[in-house]
Structure formats: C-alpha cells, structure tokens
C-alpha cells in the first residue's frame, strides 16, 4: 500500500505496512528494524501511542476517519508517551524527519493507494 497527498500531488509513503489486529497494533514498531525513507506503519484504530521498547525516534501523523491529518508529532523519542488525539481514528508512524521531508501538514487530505 502507498499513501498519497492529492492536493500537493505527492507520494508520502511508498511502502505502508498495516497493523489492524490486536497483536500487531500492540506491537507496532517494537522490535522492527529502523524505518527507511518512504516506509511507514498504519495502526488502526489508534488515537495515541507510546515509545516504550522502541529503539529509534519516529514522526507520527494522526488521521481522521476521512483521511484528513488532524495532528502531527515530529521526532517522538524513545520511552515517551504522545498525547491522545481524540479526533484521530488511526496513526501513521514514519521515520523521524519524514514529515519535514514530505511537507505534510495538519489539514492535509490523504489517499490510500494500491
């Protein structure tokens, strides 16, 4: 799966992994190799995340049911807890620095593509 920003006509994520069942959502990126540019994990449903057990920082997009970015966290460090975002239905966890690289902003509409 890929993640596209139609307004800016840009691909945000080339390789989007999915965590949609209980065990994969609970595990998230714990034990995962550091993400490469263009690689991300979508956790659904999810309104907040923690970084306990993580070995690398990440950027996080909080996304609503209609695929609009409602909040952003950049460079969330290990052993931290991010704030809950009640309007979010899922999160997209990306390599730290990817939000700045791609230019994604709160309010952007995203699309999931095959």
PDB file of N, CA and C in Angstrom:
ATOM      1  N   UNK A   1       0.833  -1.171   0.000  1.00  0.00           N
ATOM      2  CA  UNK A   1       0.000   0.000   0.000  1.00  0.00           C
ATOM      3  C   UNK A   1       0.886   1.245   0.000  1.00  0.00           C
ATOM      4  N   UNK A   2       0.327   2.324  -0.549  1.00  0.00           N
ATOM      5  CA  UNK A   2       1.031   3.603  -0.602  1.00  0.00           C
ATOM      6  C   UNK A   2       0.113   4.706  -0.076  1.00  0.00           C
ATOM      7  N   UNK A   3       0.711   5.796   0.349  1.00  0.00           N
ATOM      8  CA  UNK A   3      -0.038   6.924   0.879  1.00  0.00           C
ATOM      9  C   UNK A   3       0.278   8.148   0.029  1.00  0.00           C
ATOM     10  N   UNK A   4      -0.789   8.771  -0.494  1.00  0.00           N
ATOM     11  CA  UNK A   4      -0.652   9.858  -1.465  1.00  0.00           C
ATOM     12  C   UNK A   4      -1.338  11.112  -0.953  1.00  0.00           C
ATOM     13  N   UNK A   5      -0.763  12.272  -1.256  1.00  0.00           N
ATOM     14  CA  UNK A   5      -1.353  13.578  -0.938  1.00  0.00           C
ATOM     15  C   UNK A   5      -1.831  14.189  -2.255  1.00  0.00           C
ATOM     16  N   UNK A   6      -3.151  14.094  -2.558  1.00  0.00           N
ATOM     17  CA  UNK A   6      -3.639  14.572  -3.853  1.00  0.00           C
ATOM     18  C   UNK A   6      -3.548  16.091  -4.028  1.00  0.00           C
ATOM     19  N   UNK A   7      -3.673  16.839  -2.942  1.00  0.00           N
ATOM     20  CA  UNK A   7      -3.602  18.298  -3.049  1.00  0.00           C
ATOM     21  C   UNK A   7      -2.233  18.755  -3.531  1.00  0.00           C
ATOM     22  N   UNK A   8      -1.181  18.140  -2.978  1.00  0.00           N
ATOM     23  CA  UNK A   8       0.185  18.504  -3.359  1.00  0.00           C
ATOM     24  C   UNK A   8       0.747  17.569  -4.428  1.00  0.00           C
ATOM     25  N   UNK A   9      -0.069  16.618  -4.862  1.00  0.00           N
ATOM     26  CA  UNK A   9       0.306  15.647  -5.893  1.00  0.00           C
ATOM     27  C   UNK A   9       1.664  15.005  -5.577  1.00  0.00           C
ATOM     28  N   UNK A  10       1.740  14.455  -4.352  1.00  0.00           N
ATOM     29  CA  UNK A  10       3.000  13.834  -3.953  1.00  0.00           C
ATOM     30  C   UNK A  10       2.741  12.538  -3.196  1.00  0.00           C
ATOM     31  N   UNK A  11       3.639  11.595  -3.384  1.00  0.00           N
ATOM     32  CA  UNK A  11       3.590  10.340  -2.666  1.00  0.00           C
ATOM     33  C   UNK A  11       4.260  10.560  -1.313  1.00  0.00           C
ATOM     34  N   UNK A  12       3.545  10.263  -0.242  1.00  0.00           N
ATOM     35  CA  UNK A  12       4.062  10.455   1.107  1.00  0.00           C
ATOM     36  C   UNK A  12       4.788   9.194   1.575  1.00  0.00           C
ATOM     37  N   UNK A  13       4.173   8.038   1.310  1.00  0.00           N
ATOM     38  CA  UNK A  13       4.733   6.758   1.733  1.00  0.00           C
ATOM     39  C   UNK A  13       4.642   5.776   0.571  1.00  0.00           C
ATOM     40  N   UNK A  14       5.762   5.153   0.234  1.00  0.00           N
ATOM     41  CA  UNK A  14       5.795   4.156  -0.839  1.00  0.00           C
ATOM     42  C   UNK A  14       5.489   2.752  -0.337  1.00  0.00           C
ATOM     43  N   UNK A  15       5.839   2.476   0.919  1.00  0.00           N
ATOM     44  CA  UNK A  15       5.671   1.140   1.477  1.00  0.00           C
ATOM     45  C   UNK A  15       4.957   1.264   2.830  1.00  0.00           C
ATOM     46  N   UNK A  16       3.632   1.128   2.819  1.00  0.00           N
ATOM     47  CA  UNK A  16       2.823   1.287   4.026  1.00  0.00           C
ATOM     48  C   UNK A  16       2.417  -0.079   4.550  1.00  0.00           C
ATOM     49  N   UNK A  17       2.960  -0.432   5.711  1.00  0.00           N
ATOM     50  CA  UNK A  17       2.578  -1.667   6.392  1.00  0.00           C
ATOM     51  C   UNK A  17       1.330  -1.381   7.217  1.00  0.00           C
ATOM     52  N   UNK A  18       0.527  -2.419   7.488  1.00  0.00           N
ATOM     53  CA  UNK A  18      -0.716  -2.256   8.239  1.00  0.00           C
ATOM     54  C   UNK A  18      -0.679  -3.057   9.533  1.00  0.00           C
ATOM     55  N   UNK A  19      -1.176  -2.448  10.606  1.00  0.00           N
ATOM     56  CA  UNK A  19      -1.362  -3.132  11.894  1.00  0.00           C
ATOM     57  C   UNK A  19      -2.820  -2.899  12.282  1.00  0.00           C
ATOM     58  N   UNK A  20      -3.647  -3.900  12.023  1.00  0.00           N
ATOM     59  CA  UNK A  20      -5.085  -3.720  12.241  1.00  0.00           C
ATOM     60  C   UNK A  20      -5.693  -4.751  13.184  1.00  0.00           C
ATOM     61  N   UNK A  21      -4.916  -5.754  13.588  1.00  0.00           N
ATOM     62  CA  UNK A  21      -5.447  -6.698  14.576  1.00  0.00           C
ATOM     63  C   UNK A  21      -4.787  -6.412  15.927  1.00  0.00           C
ATOM     64  N   UNK A  22      -5.331  -6.968  16.989  1.00  0.00           N
ATOM     65  CA  UNK A  22      -4.855  -6.693  18.334  1.00  0.00           C
ATOM     66  C   UNK A  22      -3.363  -6.875  18.534  1.00  0.00           C
ATOM     67  N   UNK A  23      -2.811  -8.043  18.205  1.00  0.00           N
ATOM     68  CA  UNK A  23      -1.379  -8.245  18.433  1.00  0.00           C
ATOM     69  C   UNK A  23      -0.487  -7.294  17.618  1.00  0.00           C
ATOM     70  N   UNK A  24      -0.806  -7.072  16.354  1.00  0.00           N
ATOM     71  CA  UNK A  24       0.043  -6.195  15.540  1.00  0.00           C
ATOM     72  C   UNK A  24      -0.090  -4.738  15.980  1.00  0.00           C
ATOM     73  N   UNK A  25      -1.262  -4.326  16.433  1.00  0.00           N
ATOM     74  CA  UNK A  25      -1.445  -2.961  16.943  1.00  0.00           C
ATOM     75  C   UNK A  25      -0.665  -2.764  18.238  1.00  0.00           C
ATOM     76  N   UNK A  26      -0.705  -3.750  19.136  1.00  0.00           N
ATOM     77  CA  UNK A  26       0.010  -3.653  20.412  1.00  0.00           C
ATOM     78  C   UNK A  26       1.525  -3.621  20.192  1.00  0.00           C
ATOM     79  N   UNK A  27       2.011  -4.388  19.233  1.00  0.00           N
ATOM     80  CA  UNK A  27       3.444  -4.459  18.941  1.00  0.00           C
ATOM     81  C   UNK A  27       3.916  -3.210  18.203  1.00  0.00           C
ATOM     82  N   UNK A  28       3.121  -2.706  17.264  1.00  0.00           N
ATOM     83  CA  UNK A  28       3.533  -1.535  16.482  1.00  0.00           C
ATOM     84  C   UNK A  28       4.900  -1.741  15.871  1.00  0.00           C
ATOM     85  N   UNK A  29       5.803  -0.821  16.128  1.00  0.00           N
ATOM     86  CA  UNK A  29       7.159  -0.906  15.589  1.00  0.00           C
ATOM     87  C   UNK A  29       8.178  -1.449  16.593  1.00  0.00           C
ATOM     88  N   UNK A  30       7.708  -1.943  17.736  1.00  0.00           N
ATOM     89  CA  UNK A  30       8.620  -2.510  18.721  1.00  0.00           C
ATOM     90  C   UNK A  30       9.298  -3.736  18.105  1.00  0.00           C
ATOM     91  N   UNK A  31      10.614  -3.759  18.131  1.00  0.00           N
ATOM     92  CA  UNK A  31      11.373  -4.864  17.557  1.00  0.00           C
ATOM     93  C   UNK A  31      11.555  -4.772  16.051  1.00  0.00           C
ATOM     94  N   UNK A  32      10.997  -3.754  15.432  1.00  0.00           N
ATOM     95  CA  UNK A  32      11.103  -3.543  13.984  1.00  0.00           C
ATOM     96  C   UNK A  32      12.449  -2.888  13.674  1.00  0.00           C
ATOM     97  N   UNK A  33      13.021  -3.215  12.547  1.00  0.00           N
ATOM     98  CA  UNK A  33      14.234  -2.519  12.102  1.00  0.00           C
ATOM     99  C   UNK A  33      13.891  -1.049  11.877  1.00  0.00           C
ATOM    100  N   UNK A  34      14.858  -0.156  12.026  1.00  0.00           N
ATOM    101  CA  UNK A  34      14.573   1.257  11.757  1.00  0.00           C
ATOM    102  C   UNK A  34      13.942   1.433  10.374  1.00  0.00           C
ATOM    103  N   UNK A  35      12.976   2.333  10.315  1.00  0.00           N
ATOM    104  CA  UNK A  35      12.265   2.564   9.063  1.00  0.00           C
ATOM    105  C   UNK A  35      13.167   3.256   8.047  1.00  0.00           C
ATOM    106  N   UNK A  36      12.946   2.928   6.800  1.00  0.00           N
ATOM    107  CA  UNK A  36      13.653   3.570   5.687  1.00  0.00           C
ATOM    108  C   UNK A  36      12.822   4.748   5.203  1.00  0.00           C
ATOM    109  N   UNK A  37      13.424   5.689   4.471  1.00  0.00           N
ATOM    110  CA  UNK A  37      12.621   6.752   3.874  1.00  0.00           C
ATOM    111  C   UNK A  37      11.523   6.140   2.996  1.00  0.00           C
ATOM    112  N   UNK A  38      10.317   6.663   3.112  1.00  0.00           N
ATOM    113  CA  UNK A  38       9.205   6.161   2.309  1.00  0.00           C
ATOM    114  C   UNK A  38       8.520   4.940   2.883  1.00  0.00           C
ATOM    115  N   UNK A  39       8.933   4.490   4.048  1.00  0.00           N
ATOM    116  CA  UNK A  39       8.338   3.329   4.707  1.00  0.00           C
ATOM    117  C   UNK A  39       7.594   3.810   5.951  1.00  0.00           C
ATOM    118  N   UNK A  40       6.427   3.203   6.250  1.00  0.00           N
ATOM    119  CA  UNK A  40       5.640   3.617   7.417  1.00  0.00           C
ATOM    120  C   UNK A  40       4.744   2.477   7.871  1.00  0.00           C
ATOM    121  N   UNK A  41       4.175   2.657   9.066  1.00  0.00           N
ATOM    122  CA  UNK A  41       3.224   1.700   9.632  1.00  0.00           C
ATOM    123  C   UNK A  41       1.940   2.437   9.957  1.00  0.00           C
ATOM    124  N   UNK A  42       0.811   1.914   9.488  1.00  0.00           N
ATOM    125  CA  UNK A  42      -0.504   2.432   9.835  1.00  0.00           C
ATOM    126  C   UNK A  42      -1.073   1.550  10.932  1.00  0.00           C
ATOM    127  N   UNK A  43      -1.479   2.167  12.049  1.00  0.00           N
ATOM    128  CA  UNK A  43      -2.095   1.438  13.159  1.00  0.00           C
ATOM    129  C   UNK A  43      -3.539   1.900  13.260  1.00  0.00           C
ATOM    130  N   UNK A  44      -4.457   0.936  13.107  1.00  0.00           N
ATOM    131  CA  UNK A  44      -5.892   1.257  13.063  1.00  0.00           C
ATOM    132  C   UNK A  44      -6.691   0.247  13.837  1.00  0.00           C
ATOM    133  N   UNK A  45      -7.550   0.654  14.766  1.00  0.00           N
ATOM    134  CA  UNK A  45      -7.755   2.013  15.258  1.00  0.00           C
ATOM    135  C   UNK A  45      -6.672   2.388  16.240  1.00  0.00           C
ATOM    136  N   UNK A  46      -6.443   3.698  16.374  1.00  0.00           N
ATOM    137  CA  UNK A  46      -5.429   4.192  17.299  1.00  0.00           C
ATOM    138  C   UNK A  46      -5.594   5.700  17.456  1.00  0.00           C
ATOM    139  N   UNK A  47      -5.545   6.167  18.710  1.00  0.00           N
ATOM    140  CA  UNK A  47      -5.659   7.604  18.991  1.00  0.00           C
ATOM    141  C   UNK A  47      -4.461   8.159  19.758  1.00  0.00           C
ATOM    142  N   UNK A  48      -3.588   7.291  20.223  1.00  0.00           N
ATOM    143  CA  UNK A  48      -2.365   7.733  20.895  1.00  0.00           C
ATOM    144  C   UNK A  48      -1.357   6.595  20.881  1.00  0.00           C
ATOM    145  N   UNK A  49      -0.080   6.951  21.061  1.00  0.00           N
ATOM    146  CA  UNK A  49       0.961   5.929  21.021  1.00  0.00           C
ATOM    147  C   UNK A  49       1.962   6.153  22.149  1.00  0.00           C
ATOM    148  N   UNK A  50       2.736   5.118  22.423  1.00  0.00           N
ATOM    149  CA  UNK A  50       3.860   5.214  23.358  1.00  0.00           C
ATOM    150  C   UNK A  50       5.099   4.707  22.634  1.00  0.00           C
ATOM    151  N   UNK A  51       6.248   5.047  23.212  1.00  0.00           N
ATOM    152  CA  UNK A  51       7.525   4.682  22.600  1.00  0.00           C
ATOM    153  C   UNK A  51       8.343   3.747  23.487  1.00  0.00           C
ATOM    154  N   UNK A  52       7.712   3.120  24.474  1.00  0.00           N
ATOM    155  CA  UNK A  52       8.426   2.184  25.336  1.00  0.00           C
ATOM    156  C   UNK A  52       8.814   0.950  24.522  1.00  0.00           C
ATOM    157  N   UNK A  53      10.061   0.558  24.603  1.00  0.00           N
ATOM    158  CA  UNK A  53      10.560  -0.595  23.862  1.00  0.00           C
ATOM    159  C   UNK A  53      11.051  -0.260  22.468  1.00  0.00           C
ATOM    160  N   UNK A  54      10.904   0.993  22.058  1.00  0.00           N
ATOM    161  CA  UNK A  54      11.362   1.400  20.723  1.00  0.00           C
ATOM    162  C   UNK A  54      12.854   1.693  20.747  1.00  0.00           C
ATOM    163  N   UNK A  55      13.506   1.530  19.598  1.00  0.00           N
ATOM    164  CA  UNK A  55      14.945   1.784  19.525  1.00  0.00           C
ATOM    165  C   UNK A  55      15.284   2.967  18.619  1.00  0.00           C
ATOM    166  N   UNK A  56      14.273   3.624  18.048  1.00  0.00           N
ATOM    167  CA  UNK A  56      14.526   4.753  17.152  1.00  0.00           C
ATOM    168  C   UNK A  56      13.357   5.745  17.237  1.00  0.00           C
ATOM    169  N   UNK A  57      13.613   7.039  17.011  1.00  0.00           N
ATOM    170  CA  UNK A  57      12.539   8.030  17.040  1.00  0.00           C
ATOM    171  C   UNK A  57      11.688   7.949  15.779  1.00  0.00           C
ATOM    172  N   UNK A  58      10.457   8.463  15.866  1.00  0.00           N
ATOM    173  CA  UNK A  58       9.554   8.445  14.713  1.00  0.00           C
ATOM    174  C   UNK A  58       8.788   9.760  14.610  1.00  0.00           C
ATOM    175  N   UNK A  59       8.257  10.013  13.425  1.00  0.00           N
ATOM    176  CA  UNK A  59       7.260  11.047  13.186  1.00  0.00           C
ATOM    177  C   UNK A  59       5.907  10.360  13.166  1.00  0.00           C
ATOM    178  N   UNK A  60       4.858  11.055  13.613  1.00  0.00           N
ATOM    179  CA  UNK A  60       3.529  10.457  13.694  1.00  0.00           C
ATOM    180  C   UNK A  60       2.492  11.383  13.068  1.00  0.00           C
ATOM    181  N   UNK A  61       1.683  10.813  12.178  1.00  0.00           N
ATOM    182  CA  UNK A  61       0.512  11.506  11.644  1.00  0.00           C
ATOM    183  C   UNK A  61      -0.709  10.918  12.321  1.00  0.00           C
ATOM    184  N   UNK A  62      -1.550  11.761  12.898  1.00  0.00           N
ATOM    185  CA  UNK A  62      -2.840  11.338  13.442  1.00  0.00           C
ATOM    186  C   UNK A  62      -3.878  11.688  12.384  1.00  0.00           C
ATOM    187  N   UNK A  63      -4.662  10.679  11.979  1.00  0.00           N
ATOM    188  CA  UNK A  63      -5.532  10.830  10.820  1.00  0.00           C
ATOM    189  C   UNK A  63      -6.976  10.490  11.191  1.00  0.00           C
ATOM    190  N   UNK A  64      -7.911  11.281  10.665  1.00  0.00           N
ATOM    191  CA  UNK A  64      -9.338  11.077  10.929  1.00  0.00           C
ATOM    192  C   UNK A  64      -9.910   9.991  10.025  1.00  0.00           C
ATOM    193  N   UNK A  65     -11.132   9.628  10.290  1.00  0.00           N
ATOM    194  CA  UNK A  65     -11.830   8.595   9.521  1.00  0.00           C
ATOM    195  C   UNK A  65     -11.845   8.907   8.022  1.00  0.00           C
ATOM    196  N   UNK A  66     -11.928  10.205   7.679  1.00  0.00           N
ATOM    197  CA  UNK A  66     -11.985  10.602   6.263  1.00  0.00           C
ATOM    198  C   UNK A  66     -10.598  10.918   5.682  1.00  0.00           C
ATOM    199  N   UNK A  67      -9.548  10.436   6.345  1.00  0.00           N
ATOM    200  CA  UNK A  67      -8.162  10.518   5.875  1.00  0.00           C
ATOM    201  C   UNK A  67      -7.605  11.943   5.890  1.00  0.00           C
ATOM    202  N   UNK A  68      -8.075  12.770   6.815  1.00  0.00           N
ATOM    203  CA  UNK A  68      -7.516  14.112   6.980  1.00  0.00           C
ATOM    204  C   UNK A  68      -6.550  14.101   8.172  1.00  0.00           C
ATOM    205  N   UNK A  69      -5.390  14.732   7.994  1.00  0.00           N
ATOM    206  CA  UNK A  69      -4.406  14.822   9.071  1.00  0.00           C
ATOM    207  C   UNK A  69      -4.941  15.798  10.121  1.00  0.00           C
ATOM    208  N   UNK A  70      -5.131  15.311  11.357  1.00  0.00           N
ATOM    209  CA  UNK A  70      -5.686  16.149  12.420  1.00  0.00           C
ATOM    210  C   UNK A  70      -4.629  16.563  13.452  1.00  0.00           C
ATOM    211  N   UNK A  71      -3.494  15.903  13.476  1.00  0.00           N
ATOM    212  CA  UNK A  71      -2.402  16.274  14.383  1.00  0.00           C
ATOM    213  C   UNK A  71      -1.109  15.629  13.884  1.00  0.00           C
ATOM    214  N   UNK A  72      -0.011  16.217  14.299  1.00  0.00           N
ATOM    215  CA  UNK A  72       1.321  15.743  13.900  1.00  0.00           C
ATOM    216  C   UNK A  72       2.237  15.785  15.117  1.00  0.00           C
ATOM    217  N   UNK A  73       3.083  14.774  15.236  1.00  0.00           N
ATOM    218  CA  UNK A  73       4.171  14.796  16.212  1.00  0.00           C
ATOM    219  C   UNK A  73       5.455  14.466  15.458  1.00  0.00           C
ATOM    220  N   UNK A  74       6.460  15.309  15.612  1.00  0.00           N
ATOM    221  CA  UNK A  74       7.729  15.080  14.939  1.00  0.00           C
ATOM    222  C   UNK A  74       8.790  14.617  15.925  1.00  0.00           C
ATOM    223  N   UNK A  75       9.593  13.668  15.471  1.00  0.00           N
ATOM    224  CA  UNK A  75      10.745  13.154  16.236  1.00  0.00           C
ATOM    225  C   UNK A  75      10.394  12.758  17.663  1.00  0.00           C
ATOM    226  N   UNK A  76       9.367  11.921  17.793  1.00  0.00           N
ATOM    227  CA  UNK A  76       8.995  11.401  19.107  1.00  0.00           C
ATOM    228  C   UNK A  76      10.078  10.416  19.541  1.00  0.00           C
ATOM    229  N   UNK A  77      10.688  10.699  20.689  1.00  0.00           N
ATOM    230  CA  UNK A  77      11.842   9.932  21.157  1.00  0.00           C
ATOM    231  C   UNK A  77      11.423   8.670  21.907  1.00  0.00           C
ATOM    232  N   UNK A  78      12.382   7.763  22.071  1.00  0.00           N
ATOM    233  CA  UNK A  78      12.176   6.524  22.833  1.00  0.00           C
ATOM    234  C   UNK A  78      11.690   6.844  24.235  1.00  0.00           C
ATOM    235  N   UNK A  79      10.951   5.899  24.800  1.00  0.00           N
ATOM    236  CA  UNK A  79      10.481   5.974  26.189  1.00  0.00           C
ATOM    237  C   UNK A  79       9.618   7.202  26.490  1.00  0.00           C
ATOM    238  N   UNK A  80       8.856   7.640  25.509  1.00  0.00           N
ATOM    239  CA  UNK A  80       7.936   8.768  25.672  1.00  0.00           C
ATOM    240  C   UNK A  80       6.516   8.293  25.378  1.00  0.00           C
ATOM    241  N   UNK A  81       5.550   9.058  25.873  1.00  0.00           N
ATOM    242  CA  UNK A  81       4.142   8.831  25.553  1.00  0.00           C
ATOM    243  C   UNK A  81       3.646  10.080  24.846  1.00  0.00           C
ATOM    244  N   UNK A  82       3.025   9.915  23.705  1.00  0.00           N
ATOM    245  CA  UNK A  82       2.451  11.053  22.993  1.00  0.00           C
ATOM    246  C   UNK A  82       1.062  11.341  23.556  1.00  0.00           C
ATOM    247  N   UNK A  83       0.541  12.504  23.264  1.00  0.00           N
ATOM    248  CA  UNK A  83      -0.782  12.879  23.750  1.00  0.00           C
ATOM    249  C   UNK A  83      -1.863  12.127  22.994  1.00  0.00           C
ATOM    250  N   UNK A  84      -3.020  11.889  23.616  1.00  0.00           N
ATOM    251  CA  UNK A  84      -4.140  11.307  22.877  1.00  0.00           C
ATOM    252  C   UNK A  84      -4.735  12.354  21.934  1.00  0.00           C
ATOM    253  N   UNK A  85      -5.134  11.909  20.757  1.00  0.00           N
ATOM    254  CA  UNK A  85      -5.789  12.789  19.785  1.00  0.00           C
ATOM    255  C   UNK A  85      -7.159  12.182  19.518  1.00  0.00           C
ATOM    256  N   UNK A  86      -8.162  12.719  20.175  1.00  0.00           N
ATOM    257  CA  UNK A  86      -9.495  12.114  20.142  1.00  0.00           C
ATOM    258  C   UNK A  86     -10.151  12.146  18.770  1.00  0.00           C
ATOM    259  N   UNK A  87      -9.796  13.102  17.925  1.00  0.00           N
ATOM    260  CA  UNK A  87     -10.379  13.156  16.570  1.00  0.00           C
ATOM    261  C   UNK A  87      -9.748  12.139  15.619  1.00  0.00           C
ATOM    262  N   UNK A  88      -8.638  11.554  16.030  1.00  0.00           N
ATOM    263  CA  UNK A  88      -7.947  10.586  15.165  1.00  0.00           C
ATOM    264  C   UNK A  88      -8.639   9.225  15.222  1.00  0.00           C
ATOM    265  N   UNK A  89      -8.616   8.530  14.110  1.00  0.00           N
ATOM    266  CA  UNK A  89      -9.090   7.153  14.036  1.00  0.00           C
ATOM    267  C   UNK A  89      -7.924   6.183  13.864  1.00  0.00           C
ATOM    268  N   UNK A  90      -6.811   6.699  13.353  1.00  0.00           N
ATOM    269  CA  UNK A  90      -5.622   5.874  13.189  1.00  0.00           C
ATOM    270  C   UNK A  90      -4.385   6.761  13.143  1.00  0.00           C
ATOM    271  N   UNK A  91      -3.222   6.121  13.265  1.00  0.00           N
ATOM    272  CA  UNK A  91      -1.950   6.834  13.178  1.00  0.00           C
ATOM    273  C   UNK A  91      -1.097   6.216  12.085  1.00  0.00           C
ATOM    274  N   UNK A  92      -0.207   7.039  11.566  1.00  0.00           N
ATOM    275  CA  UNK A  92       0.796   6.579  10.620  1.00  0.00           C
ATOM    276  C   UNK A  92       2.144   6.943  11.202  1.00  0.00           C
ATOM    277  N   UNK A  93       2.942   5.916  11.499  1.00  0.00           N
ATOM    278  CA  UNK A  93       4.260   6.097  12.095  1.00  0.00           C
ATOM    279  C   UNK A  93       5.312   6.015  10.994  1.00  0.00           C
ATOM    280  N   UNK A  94       6.157   7.058  10.925  1.00  0.00           N
ATOM    281  CA  UNK A  94       7.165   7.166   9.879  1.00  0.00           C
ATOM    282  C   UNK A  94       8.529   7.441  10.491  1.00  0.00           C
ATOM    283  N   UNK A  95       9.545   7.249   9.725  1.00  0.00           N
ATOM    284  CA  UNK A  95      10.918   7.566  10.131  1.00  0.00           C
ATOM    285  C   UNK A  95      10.975   9.039  10.547  1.00  0.00           C
ATOM    286  N   UNK A  96      11.702   9.344  11.620  1.00  0.00           N
ATOM    287  CA  UNK A  96      11.872  10.735  12.051  1.00  0.00           C
ATOM    288  C   UNK A  96      12.454  11.551  10.897  1.00  0.00           C
ATOM    289  N   UNK A  97      11.870  12.716  10.652  1.00  0.00           N
ATOM    290  CA  UNK A  97      12.302  13.588   9.565  1.00  0.00           C
ATOM    291  C   UNK A  97      11.434  13.491   8.325  1.00  0.00           C
ATOM    292  N   UNK A  98      10.585  12.465   8.246  1.00  0.00           N
ATOM    293  CA  UNK A  98       9.750  12.277   7.047  1.00  0.00           C
ATOM    294  C   UNK A  98       8.675  13.357   6.913  1.00  0.00           C
ATOM    295  N   UNK A  99       8.151  13.868   8.022  1.00  0.00           N
ATOM    296  CA  UNK A  99       7.143  14.926   7.925  1.00  0.00           C
ATOM    297  C   UNK A  99       7.763  16.168   7.296  1.00  0.00           C
ATOM    298  N   UNK A 100       8.947  16.539   7.744  1.00  0.00           N
ATOM    299  CA  UNK A 100       9.627  17.693   7.153  1.00  0.00           C
ATOM    300  C   UNK A 100       9.967  17.432   5.689  1.00  0.00           C
ATOM    301  N   UNK A 101      10.428  16.222   5.387  1.00  0.00           N
ATOM    302  CA  UNK A 101      10.811  15.890   4.003  1.00  0.00           C
ATOM    303  C   UNK A 101       9.629  15.945   3.055  1.00  0.00           C
ATOM    304  N   UNK A 102       8.489  15.423   3.498  1.00  0.00           N
ATOM    305  CA  UNK A 102       7.324  15.340   2.615  1.00  0.00           C
ATOM    306  C   UNK A 102       6.459  16.597   2.647  1.00  0.00           C
ATOM    307  N   UNK A 103       6.578  17.408   3.702  1.00  0.00           N
ATOM    308  CA  UNK A 103       5.796  18.629   3.787  1.00  0.00           C
ATOM    309  C   UNK A 103       4.350  18.420   4.219  1.00  0.00           C
ATOM    310  N   UNK A 104       4.023  17.263   4.775  1.00  0.00           N
ATOM    311  CA  UNK A 104       2.660  17.001   5.245  1.00  0.00           C
ATOM    312  C   UNK A 104       2.344  17.965   6.383  1.00  0.00           C
ATOM    313  N   UNK A 105       1.096  18.500   6.364  1.00  0.00           N
ATOM    314  CA  UNK A 105       0.669  19.444   7.397  1.00  0.00           C
ATOM    315  C   UNK A 105      -0.698  19.049   7.932  1.00  0.00           C
ATOM    316  N   UNK A 106      -1.019  19.537   9.121  1.00  0.00           N
ATOM    317  CA  UNK A 106      -2.363  19.368   9.667  1.00  0.00           C
ATOM    318  C   UNK A 106      -3.348  19.963   8.673  1.00  0.00           C
ATOM    319  N   UNK A 107      -4.428  19.219   8.417  1.00  0.00           N
ATOM    320  CA  UNK A 107      -5.441  19.647   7.454  1.00  0.00           C
ATOM    321  C   UNK A 107      -5.307  18.989   6.098  1.00  0.00           C
ATOM    322  N   UNK A 108      -4.138  18.421   5.792  1.00  0.00           N
ATOM    323  CA  UNK A 108      -3.955  17.762   4.500  1.00  0.00           C
ATOM    324  C   UNK A 108      -4.864  16.546   4.393  1.00  0.00           C
ATOM    325  N   UNK A 109      -5.409  16.347   3.210  1.00  0.00           N
ATOM    326  CA  UNK A 109      -6.228  15.178   2.892  1.00  0.00           C
ATOM    327  C   UNK A 109      -5.319  14.136   2.264  1.00  0.00           C
ATOM    328  N   UNK A 110      -5.386  12.902   2.726  1.00  0.00           N
ATOM    329  CA  UNK A 110      -4.543  11.831   2.203  1.00  0.00           C
ATOM    330  C   UNK A 110      -5.390  10.784   1.510  1.00  0.00           C
ATOM    331  N   UNK A 111      -4.754   9.974   0.675  1.00  0.00           N
ATOM    332  CA  UNK A 111      -5.410   8.855  -0.019  1.00  0.00           C
ATOM    333  C   UNK A 111      -4.567   7.608   0.124  1.00  0.00           C
ATOM    334  N   UNK A 112      -5.234   6.479   0.315  1.00  0.00           N
ATOM    335  CA  UNK A 112      -4.578   5.184   0.324  1.00  0.00           C
ATOM    336  C   UNK A 112      -4.628   4.636  -1.096  1.00  0.00           C
ATOM    337  N   UNK A 113      -3.506   4.185  -1.606  1.00  0.00           N
ATOM    338  CA  UNK A 113      -3.448   3.635  -2.967  1.00  0.00           C
ATOM    339  C   UNK A 113      -2.799   2.261  -2.953  1.00  0.00           C
ATOM    340  N   UNK A 114      -3.223   1.415  -3.889  1.00  0.00           N
ATOM    341  CA  UNK A 114      -2.653   0.070  -4.026  1.00  0.00           C
ATOM    342  C   UNK A 114      -1.284   0.147  -4.657  1.00  0.00           C
TER     343      UNK A 114
END
